[in-house]
PDB file of all heavy atoms in Angstrom:
ATOM      1  N   GLN A   1      76.141  99.362 100.073  1.00  0.00           N
ATOM      2  CA  GLN A   1      74.793  99.341 100.581  1.00  0.00           C
ATOM      3  C   GLN A   1      74.750  99.132 102.037  1.00  0.00           C
ATOM      4  O   GLN A   1      75.604  98.462 102.600  1.00  0.00           O
ATOM      5  CB  GLN A   1      74.006  98.192  99.932  1.00  0.00           C
ATOM      6  CG  GLN A   1      73.466  98.486  98.527  1.00  0.00           C
ATOM      7  CD  GLN A   1      72.287  97.512  98.177  1.00  0.00           C
ATOM      8  OE1 GLN A   1      72.251  96.408  98.555  1.00  0.00           O
ATOM      9  NE2 GLN A   1      71.322  98.065  97.460  1.00  0.00           N
ATOM     10  N   VAL A   2      73.821  99.862 102.702  1.00  0.00           N
ATOM     11  CA  VAL A   2      73.668  99.838 104.129  1.00  0.00           C
ATOM     12  C   VAL A   2      72.239  99.405 104.504  1.00  0.00           C
ATOM     13  O   VAL A   2      71.250  99.862 103.802  1.00  0.00           O
ATOM     14  CB  VAL A   2      74.020 101.118 104.799  1.00  0.00           C
ATOM     15  CG1 VAL A   2      73.424 101.302 106.200  1.00  0.00           C
ATOM     16  CG2 VAL A   2      75.557 101.355 104.862  1.00  0.00           C
ATOM     17  N   LYS A   3      72.063  98.689 105.521  1.00  0.00           N
ATOM     18  CA  LYS A   3      70.736  98.383 106.098  1.00  0.00           C
ATOM     19  C   LYS A   3      70.705  98.998 107.566  1.00  0.00           C
ATOM     20  O   LYS A   3      71.645  98.772 108.321  1.00  0.00           O
ATOM     21  CB  LYS A   3      70.413  96.929 106.145  1.00  0.00           C
ATOM     22  CG  LYS A   3      69.083  96.578 106.764  1.00  0.00           C
ATOM     23  CD  LYS A   3      68.802  95.093 106.845  1.00  0.00           C
ATOM     24  CE  LYS A   3      67.455  94.760 107.469  1.00  0.00           C
ATOM     25  NZ  LYS A   3      67.147  93.371 107.449  1.00  0.00           N
ATOM     26  N   MET A   4      69.608  99.679 107.807  1.00  0.00           N
ATOM     27  CA  MET A   4      69.459 100.146 109.214  1.00  0.00           C
ATOM     28  C   MET A   4      68.005  99.929 109.665  1.00  0.00           C
ATOM     29  O   MET A   4      67.054 100.075 108.851  1.00  0.00           O
ATOM     30  CB  MET A   4      69.856 101.638 109.351  1.00  0.00           C
ATOM     31  CG  MET A   4      69.156 102.645 108.536  1.00  0.00           C
ATOM     32  SD  MET A   4      69.863 104.282 108.846  1.00  0.00           S
ATOM     33  CE  MET A   4      68.754 105.373 107.906  1.00  0.00           C
ATOM     34  N   VAL A   5      67.831  99.636 110.902  1.00  0.00           N
ATOM     35  CA  VAL A   5      66.579  99.441 111.534  1.00  0.00           C
ATOM     36  C   VAL A   5      66.481 100.363 112.714  1.00  0.00           C
ATOM     37  O   VAL A   5      67.289 100.294 113.672  1.00  0.00           O
ATOM     38  CB  VAL A   5      66.399  97.968 111.978  1.00  0.00           C
ATOM     39  CG1 VAL A   5      65.045  97.799 112.670  1.00  0.00           C
ATOM     40  CG2 VAL A   5      66.603  97.011 110.871  1.00  0.00           C
ATOM     41  N   LEU A   6      65.508 101.309 112.673  1.00  0.00           N
ATOM     42  CA  LEU A   6      65.328 102.251 113.723  1.00  0.00           C
ATOM     43  C   LEU A   6      63.854 102.165 114.177  1.00  0.00           C
ATOM     44  O   LEU A   6      62.941 102.146 113.381  1.00  0.00           O
ATOM     45  CB  LEU A   6      65.599 103.719 113.232  1.00  0.00           C
ATOM     46  CG  LEU A   6      66.895 103.997 112.582  1.00  0.00           C
ATOM     47  CD1 LEU A   6      67.038 105.463 112.187  1.00  0.00           C
ATOM     48  CD2 LEU A   6      68.111 103.634 113.481  1.00  0.00           C
ATOM     49  N   GLY A   7      63.679 101.993 115.473  1.00  0.00           N
ATOM     50  CA  GLY A   7      62.313 101.824 116.021  1.00  0.00           C
ATOM     51  C   GLY A   7      61.811 103.006 116.839  1.00  0.00           C
ATOM     52  O   GLY A   7      61.023 102.765 117.768  1.00  0.00           O
ATOM     53  N   SER A   8      62.303 104.163 116.520  1.00  0.00           N
ATOM     54  CA  SER A   8      61.872 105.361 117.321  1.00  0.00           C
ATOM     55  C   SER A   8      60.406 105.693 117.164  1.00  0.00           C
ATOM     56  O   SER A   8      59.776 105.261 116.184  1.00  0.00           O
ATOM     57  CB  SER A   8      62.766 106.544 116.937  1.00  0.00           C
ATOM     58  OG  SER A   8      62.724 106.730 115.541  1.00  0.00           O
ATOM     59  N   SER A   9      59.937 106.445 118.080  1.00  0.00           N
ATOM     60  CA  SER A   9      58.465 106.882 118.034  1.00  0.00           C
ATOM     61  C   SER A   9      58.335 108.256 118.637  1.00  0.00           C
ATOM     62  O   SER A   9      59.060 108.600 119.543  1.00  0.00           O
ATOM     63  CB  SER A   9      57.563 105.832 118.669  1.00  0.00           C
ATOM     64  OG  SER A   9      57.961 105.667 120.004  1.00  0.00           O
ATOM     65  N   GLU A  10      57.397 109.015 118.127  1.00  0.00           N
ATOM     66  CA  GLU A  10      57.030 110.338 118.615  1.00  0.00           C
ATOM     67  C   GLU A  10      55.714 110.274 119.290  1.00  0.00           C
ATOM     68  O   GLU A  10      54.701 110.073 118.618  1.00  0.00           O
ATOM     69  CB  GLU A  10      56.995 111.348 117.429  1.00  0.00           C
ATOM     70  CG  GLU A  10      56.942 112.773 117.926  1.00  0.00           C
ATOM     71  CD  GLU A  10      58.292 113.350 118.289  1.00  0.00           C
ATOM     72  OE1 GLU A  10      59.284 113.116 117.571  1.00  0.00           O
ATOM     73  OE2 GLU A  10      58.369 114.036 119.334  1.00  0.00           O
ATOM     74  N   LEU A  11      55.678 110.340 120.548  1.00  0.00           N
ATOM     75  CA  LEU A  11      54.439 110.317 121.368  1.00  0.00           C
ATOM     76  C   LEU A  11      53.845 111.669 121.483  1.00  0.00           C
ATOM     77  O   LEU A  11      54.542 112.651 121.225  1.00  0.00           O
ATOM     78  CB  LEU A  11      54.733 109.662 122.748  1.00  0.00           C
ATOM     79  CG  LEU A  11      55.316 108.318 122.696  1.00  0.00           C
ATOM     80  CD1 LEU A  11      55.514 107.801 124.125  1.00  0.00           C
ATOM     81  CD2 LEU A  11      54.474 107.274 121.862  1.00  0.00           C
ATOM     82  N   PRO A  12      52.598 111.849 121.922  1.00  0.00           N
ATOM     83  CA  PRO A  12      52.008 113.159 122.163  1.00  0.00           C
ATOM     84  C   PRO A  12      52.892 113.947 123.189  1.00  0.00           C
ATOM     85  O   PRO A  12      53.481 113.408 124.047  1.00  0.00           O
ATOM     86  CB  PRO A  12      50.634 112.862 122.759  1.00  0.00           C
ATOM     87  CG  PRO A  12      50.332 111.511 122.172  1.00  0.00           C
ATOM     88  CD  PRO A  12      51.581 110.740 122.160  1.00  0.00           C
ATOM     89  N   ASP A  13      52.872 115.256 122.998  1.00  0.00           N
ATOM     90  CA  ASP A  13      53.672 116.161 123.895  1.00  0.00           C
ATOM     91  C   ASP A  13      53.234 115.817 125.345  1.00  0.00           C
ATOM     92  O   ASP A  13      52.071 115.527 125.666  1.00  0.00           O
ATOM     93  CB  ASP A  13      53.382 117.574 123.571  1.00  0.00           C
ATOM     94  CG  ASP A  13      54.136 118.039 122.344  1.00  0.00           C
ATOM     95  OD1 ASP A  13      54.874 117.284 121.778  1.00  0.00           O
ATOM     96  OD2 ASP A  13      53.915 119.243 121.899  1.00  0.00           O
ATOM     97  N   ALA A  14      54.229 115.890 126.227  1.00  0.00           N
ATOM     98  CA  ALA A  14      54.036 115.541 127.604  1.00  0.00           C
ATOM     99  C   ALA A  14      54.057 116.791 128.576  1.00  0.00           C
ATOM    100  O   ALA A  14      54.631 117.795 128.211  1.00  0.00           O
ATOM    101  CB  ALA A  14      55.109 114.578 128.098  1.00  0.00           C
ATOM    102  N   ASP A  15      53.349 116.672 129.652  1.00  0.00           N
ATOM    103  CA  ASP A  15      53.390 117.721 130.663  1.00  0.00           C
ATOM    104  C   ASP A  15      54.641 117.576 131.511  1.00  0.00           C
ATOM    105  O   ASP A  15      54.985 116.482 132.008  1.00  0.00           O
ATOM    106  CB  ASP A  15      52.173 117.638 131.576  1.00  0.00           C
ATOM    107  CG  ASP A  15      50.896 117.915 130.881  1.00  0.00           C
ATOM    108  OD1 ASP A  15      50.872 118.870 130.010  1.00  0.00           O
ATOM    109  OD2 ASP A  15      49.861 117.260 131.143  1.00  0.00           O
ATOM    110  N   SER A  16      55.392 118.677 131.627  1.00  0.00           N
ATOM    111  CA  SER A  16      56.609 118.689 132.457  1.00  0.00           C
ATOM    112  C   SER A  16      56.724 119.925 133.133  1.00  0.00           C
ATOM    113  O   SER A  16      55.774 120.735 133.122  1.00  0.00           O
ATOM    114  CB  SER A  16      57.861 118.342 131.625  1.00  0.00           C
ATOM    115  OG  SER A  16      58.959 118.039 132.372  1.00  0.00           O
ATOM    116  N   HIS A  17      57.956 120.227 133.712  1.00  0.00           N
ATOM    117  CA  HIS A  17      58.146 121.501 134.471  1.00  0.00           C
ATOM    118  C   HIS A  17      59.542 121.957 134.459  1.00  0.00           C
ATOM    119  O   HIS A  17      60.566 121.176 134.382  1.00  0.00           O
ATOM    120  CB  HIS A  17      57.777 121.156 135.946  1.00  0.00           C
ATOM    121  CG  HIS A  17      56.417 120.763 136.206  1.00  0.00           C
ATOM    122  ND1 HIS A  17      56.040 119.418 136.141  1.00  0.00           N
ATOM    123  CD2 HIS A  17      55.275 121.474 136.527  1.00  0.00           C
ATOM    124  CE1 HIS A  17      54.743 119.306 136.378  1.00  0.00           C
ATOM    125  NE2 HIS A  17      54.273 120.515 136.604  1.00  0.00           N
ATOM    126  N   ASN A  18      59.685 123.294 134.434  1.00  0.00           N
ATOM    127  CA  ASN A  18      60.908 123.920 134.910  1.00  0.00           C
ATOM    128  C   ASN A  18      60.917 123.962 136.420  1.00  0.00           C
ATOM    129  O   ASN A  18      59.842 124.023 137.032  1.00  0.00           O
ATOM    130  CB  ASN A  18      61.058 125.327 134.445  1.00  0.00           C
ATOM    131  CG  ASN A  18      61.250 125.463 132.922  1.00  0.00           C
ATOM    132  OD1 ASN A  18      61.807 124.560 132.282  1.00  0.00           O
ATOM    133  ND2 ASN A  18      60.847 126.583 132.308  1.00  0.00           N
ATOM    134  N   VAL A  19      62.085 123.878 137.047  1.00  0.00           N
ATOM    135  CA  VAL A  19      62.149 124.057 138.480  1.00  0.00           C
ATOM    136  C   VAL A  19      62.797 125.412 138.780  1.00  0.00           C
ATOM    137  O   VAL A  19      63.880 125.707 138.230  1.00  0.00           O
ATOM    138  CB  VAL A  19      62.992 122.929 139.131  1.00  0.00           C
ATOM    139  CG1 VAL A  19      63.092 123.197 140.633  1.00  0.00           C
ATOM    140  CG2 VAL A  19      62.383 121.622 138.872  1.00  0.00           C
ATOM    141  N   VAL A  20      62.133 126.253 139.602  1.00  0.00           N
ATOM    142  CA  VAL A  20      62.598 127.605 139.853  1.00  0.00           C
ATOM    143  C   VAL A  20      62.801 127.734 141.334  1.00  0.00           C
ATOM    144  O   VAL A  20      62.026 127.241 142.163  1.00  0.00           O
ATOM    145  CB  VAL A  20      61.577 128.667 139.384  1.00  0.00           C
ATOM    146  CG1 VAL A  20      62.130 130.070 139.558  1.00  0.00           C
ATOM    147  CG2 VAL A  20      61.246 128.397 137.917  1.00  0.00           C
ATOM    148  N   ALA A  21      63.936 128.394 141.732  1.00  0.00           N
ATOM    149  CA  ALA A  21      64.212 128.606 143.135  1.00  0.00           C
ATOM    150  C   ALA A  21      64.713 130.026 143.289  1.00  0.00           C
ATOM    151  O   ALA A  21      65.186 130.667 142.304  1.00  0.00           O
ATOM    152  CB  ALA A  21      65.240 127.657 143.633  1.00  0.00           C
ATOM    153  N   GLU A  22      64.624 130.542 144.553  1.00  0.00           N
ATOM    154  CA  GLU A  22      64.923 132.014 144.661  1.00  0.00           C
ATOM    155  C   GLU A  22      65.390 132.293 146.043  1.00  0.00           C
ATOM    156  O   GLU A  22      64.957 131.773 147.094  1.00  0.00           O
ATOM    157  CB  GLU A  22      63.653 132.785 144.393  1.00  0.00           C
ATOM    158  CG  GLU A  22      63.827 134.252 144.129  1.00  0.00           C
ATOM    159  CD  GLU A  22      62.530 134.883 143.601  1.00  0.00           C
ATOM    160  OE1 GLU A  22      61.690 135.270 144.434  1.00  0.00           O
ATOM    161  OE2 GLU A  22      62.349 134.952 142.349  1.00  0.00           O
ATOM    162  N   ILE A  23      66.331 133.223 146.125  1.00  0.00           N
ATOM    163  CA  ILE A  23      66.912 133.852 147.321  1.00  0.00           C
ATOM    164  C   ILE A  23      66.529 135.314 147.186  1.00  0.00           C
ATOM    165  O   ILE A  23      67.099 136.074 146.342  1.00  0.00           O
ATOM    166  CB  ILE A  23      68.419 133.631 147.509  1.00  0.00           C
ATOM    167  CG1 ILE A  23      68.718 132.157 147.524  1.00  0.00           C
ATOM    168  CG2 ILE A  23      68.822 134.302 148.795  1.00  0.00           C
ATOM    169  CD1 ILE A  23      70.191 131.844 147.300  1.00  0.00           C
ATOM    170  N   ARG A  24      65.638 135.814 147.997  1.00  0.00           N
ATOM    171  CA  ARG A  24      65.109 137.178 147.825  1.00  0.00           C
ATOM    172  C   ARG A  24      66.208 138.151 148.300  1.00  0.00           C
ATOM    173  O   ARG A  24      66.787 138.096 149.330  1.00  0.00           O
ATOM    174  CB  ARG A  24      63.846 137.363 148.668  1.00  0.00           C
ATOM    175  CG  ARG A  24      63.180 138.754 148.481  1.00  0.00           C
ATOM    176  CD  ARG A  24      61.777 138.690 149.174  1.00  0.00           C
ATOM    177  NE  ARG A  24      61.189 140.011 149.054  1.00  0.00           N
ATOM    178  CZ  ARG A  24      60.466 140.513 148.045  1.00  0.00           C
ATOM    179  NH1 ARG A  24      60.405 139.746 146.991  1.00  0.00           N
ATOM    180  NH2 ARG A  24      59.989 141.725 148.045  1.00  0.00           N
ATOM    181  N   GLY A  25      66.408 139.227 147.449  1.00  0.00           N
ATOM    182  CA  GLY A  25      67.378 140.278 147.780  1.00  0.00           C
ATOM    183  C   GLY A  25      66.977 141.132 148.937  1.00  0.00           C
ATOM    184  O   GLY A  25      65.777 141.349 149.154  1.00  0.00           O
ATOM    185  N   ARG A  26      67.893 141.683 149.608  1.00  0.00           N
ATOM    186  CA  ARG A  26      67.622 142.412 150.825  1.00  0.00           C
ATOM    187  C   ARG A  26      67.216 143.894 150.564  1.00  0.00           C
ATOM    188  O   ARG A  26      66.487 144.535 151.323  1.00  0.00           O
ATOM    189  CB  ARG A  26      68.755 142.404 151.812  1.00  0.00           C
ATOM    190  CG  ARG A  26      70.037 143.085 151.422  1.00  0.00           C
ATOM    191  CD  ARG A  26      71.138 143.089 152.464  1.00  0.00           C
ATOM    192  NE  ARG A  26      72.185 144.082 152.131  1.00  0.00           N
ATOM    193  CZ  ARG A  26      73.234 143.808 151.289  1.00  0.00           C
ATOM    194  NH1 ARG A  26      73.311 142.579 150.705  1.00  0.00           N
ATOM    195  NH2 ARG A  26      74.101 144.700 151.020  1.00  0.00           N
ATOM    196  N   GLU A  27      67.780 144.452 149.454  1.00  0.00           N
ATOM    197  CA  GLU A  27      67.604 145.851 149.201  1.00  0.00           C
ATOM    198  C   GLU A  27      66.774 146.135 147.891  1.00  0.00           C
ATOM    199  O   GLU A  27      65.943 146.973 147.797  1.00  0.00           O
ATOM    200  CB  GLU A  27      68.917 146.654 149.040  1.00  0.00           C
ATOM    201  CG  GLU A  27      69.670 146.778 150.388  1.00  0.00           C
ATOM    202  CD  GLU A  27      70.947 147.576 150.208  1.00  0.00           C
ATOM    203  OE1 GLU A  27      71.174 148.071 149.099  1.00  0.00           O
ATOM    204  OE2 GLU A  27      71.701 147.691 151.178  1.00  0.00           O
ATOM    205  N   LYS A  28      67.101 145.324 146.889  1.00  0.00           N
ATOM    206  CA  LYS A  28      66.396 145.505 145.611  1.00  0.00           C
ATOM    207  C   LYS A  28      65.855 144.138 145.147  1.00  0.00           C
ATOM    208  O   LYS A  28      66.280 143.589 144.079  1.00  0.00           O
ATOM    209  CB  LYS A  28      67.398 146.072 144.544  1.00  0.00           C
ATOM    210  CG  LYS A  28      68.057 147.362 144.961  1.00  0.00           C
ATOM    211  CD  LYS A  28      69.055 147.823 143.895  1.00  0.00           C
ATOM    212  CE  LYS A  28      69.601 149.219 144.203  1.00  0.00           C
ATOM    213  NZ  LYS A  28      70.548 149.721 143.225  1.00  0.00           N
ATOM    214  N   PRO A  29      64.890 143.609 145.882  1.00  0.00           N
ATOM    215  CA  PRO A  29      64.432 142.275 145.587  1.00  0.00           C
ATOM    216  C   PRO A  29      63.736 142.191 144.150  1.00  0.00           C
ATOM    217  O   PRO A  29      63.638 141.119 143.597  1.00  0.00           O
ATOM    218  CB  PRO A  29      63.398 141.985 146.654  1.00  0.00           C
ATOM    219  CG  PRO A  29      62.952 143.353 147.125  1.00  0.00           C
ATOM    220  CD  PRO A  29      64.222 144.174 147.006  1.00  0.00           C
ATOM    221  N   GLN A  30      63.319 143.382 143.649  1.00  0.00           N
ATOM    222  CA  GLN A  30      62.701 143.331 142.308  1.00  0.00           C
ATOM    223  C   GLN A  30      63.666 143.210 141.211  1.00  0.00           C
ATOM    224  O   GLN A  30      63.286 142.777 140.078  1.00  0.00           O
ATOM    225  CB  GLN A  30      61.884 144.686 142.082  1.00  0.00           C
ATOM    226  CG  GLN A  30      62.779 145.892 141.803  1.00  0.00           C
ATOM    227  CD  GLN A  30      63.403 146.486 143.057  1.00  0.00           C
ATOM    228  OE1 GLN A  30      63.266 145.951 144.216  1.00  0.00           O
ATOM    229  NE2 GLN A  30      64.163 147.591 142.904  1.00  0.00           N
ATOM    230  N   GLU A  31      64.970 143.388 141.454  1.00  0.00           N
ATOM    231  CA  GLU A  31      65.987 143.148 140.420  1.00  0.00           C
ATOM    232  C   GLU A  31      66.493 141.690 140.571  1.00  0.00           C
ATOM    233  O   GLU A  31      66.801 141.264 141.611  1.00  0.00           O
ATOM    234  CB  GLU A  31      67.163 144.109 140.617  1.00  0.00           C
ATOM    235  CG  GLU A  31      66.717 145.588 140.307  1.00  0.00           C
ATOM    236  CD  GLU A  31      67.917 146.549 140.393  1.00  0.00           C
ATOM    237  OE1 GLU A  31      69.047 146.067 140.692  1.00  0.00           O
ATOM    238  OE2 GLU A  31      67.729 147.730 140.214  1.00  0.00           O
ATOM    239  N   ILE A  32      66.587 141.009 139.433  1.00  0.00           N
ATOM    240  CA  ILE A  32      66.843 139.589 139.435  1.00  0.00           C
ATOM    241  C   ILE A  32      68.120 139.235 138.696  1.00  0.00           C
ATOM    242  O   ILE A  32      68.381 139.634 137.582  1.00  0.00           O
ATOM    243  CB  ILE A  32      65.663 138.789 138.748  1.00  0.00           C
ATOM    244  CG1 ILE A  32      64.395 139.028 139.554  1.00  0.00           C
ATOM    245  CG2 ILE A  32      65.959 137.351 138.629  1.00  0.00           C
ATOM    246  CD1 ILE A  32      63.113 138.700 138.828  1.00  0.00           C
ATOM    247  N   VAL A  33      68.957 138.440 139.397  1.00  0.00           N
ATOM    248  CA  VAL A  33      70.084 137.778 138.781  1.00  0.00           C
ATOM    249  C   VAL A  33      69.753 136.309 138.582  1.00  0.00           C
ATOM    250  O   VAL A  33      69.503 135.609 139.583  1.00  0.00           O
ATOM    251  CB  VAL A  33      71.345 137.966 139.653  1.00  0.00           C
ATOM    252  CG1 VAL A  33      72.536 137.132 139.110  1.00  0.00           C
ATOM    253  CG2 VAL A  33      71.759 139.400 139.796  1.00  0.00           C
ATOM    254  N   LEU A  34      69.657 135.929 137.347  1.00  0.00           N
ATOM    255  CA  LEU A  34      69.239 134.600 137.023  1.00  0.00           C
ATOM    256  C   LEU A  34      70.462 133.703 136.745  1.00  0.00           C
ATOM    257  O   LEU A  34      71.339 134.049 135.986  1.00  0.00           O
ATOM    258  CB  LEU A  34      68.327 134.580 135.835  1.00  0.00           C
ATOM    259  CG  LEU A  34      67.669 133.266 135.353  1.00  0.00           C
ATOM    260  CD1 LEU A  34      66.299 133.554 134.737  1.00  0.00           C
ATOM    261  CD2 LEU A  34      68.517 132.536 134.330  1.00  0.00           C
TER     262      LEU A  34
END
């Protein structure tokens, strides 16, 4: 027999962000290497 106590909680979804940065190409800036 095992006893476990877990107090986790699921809060409402949060607002966050991806961070995007860019070095614009000199000849074919419309083509993207991610």
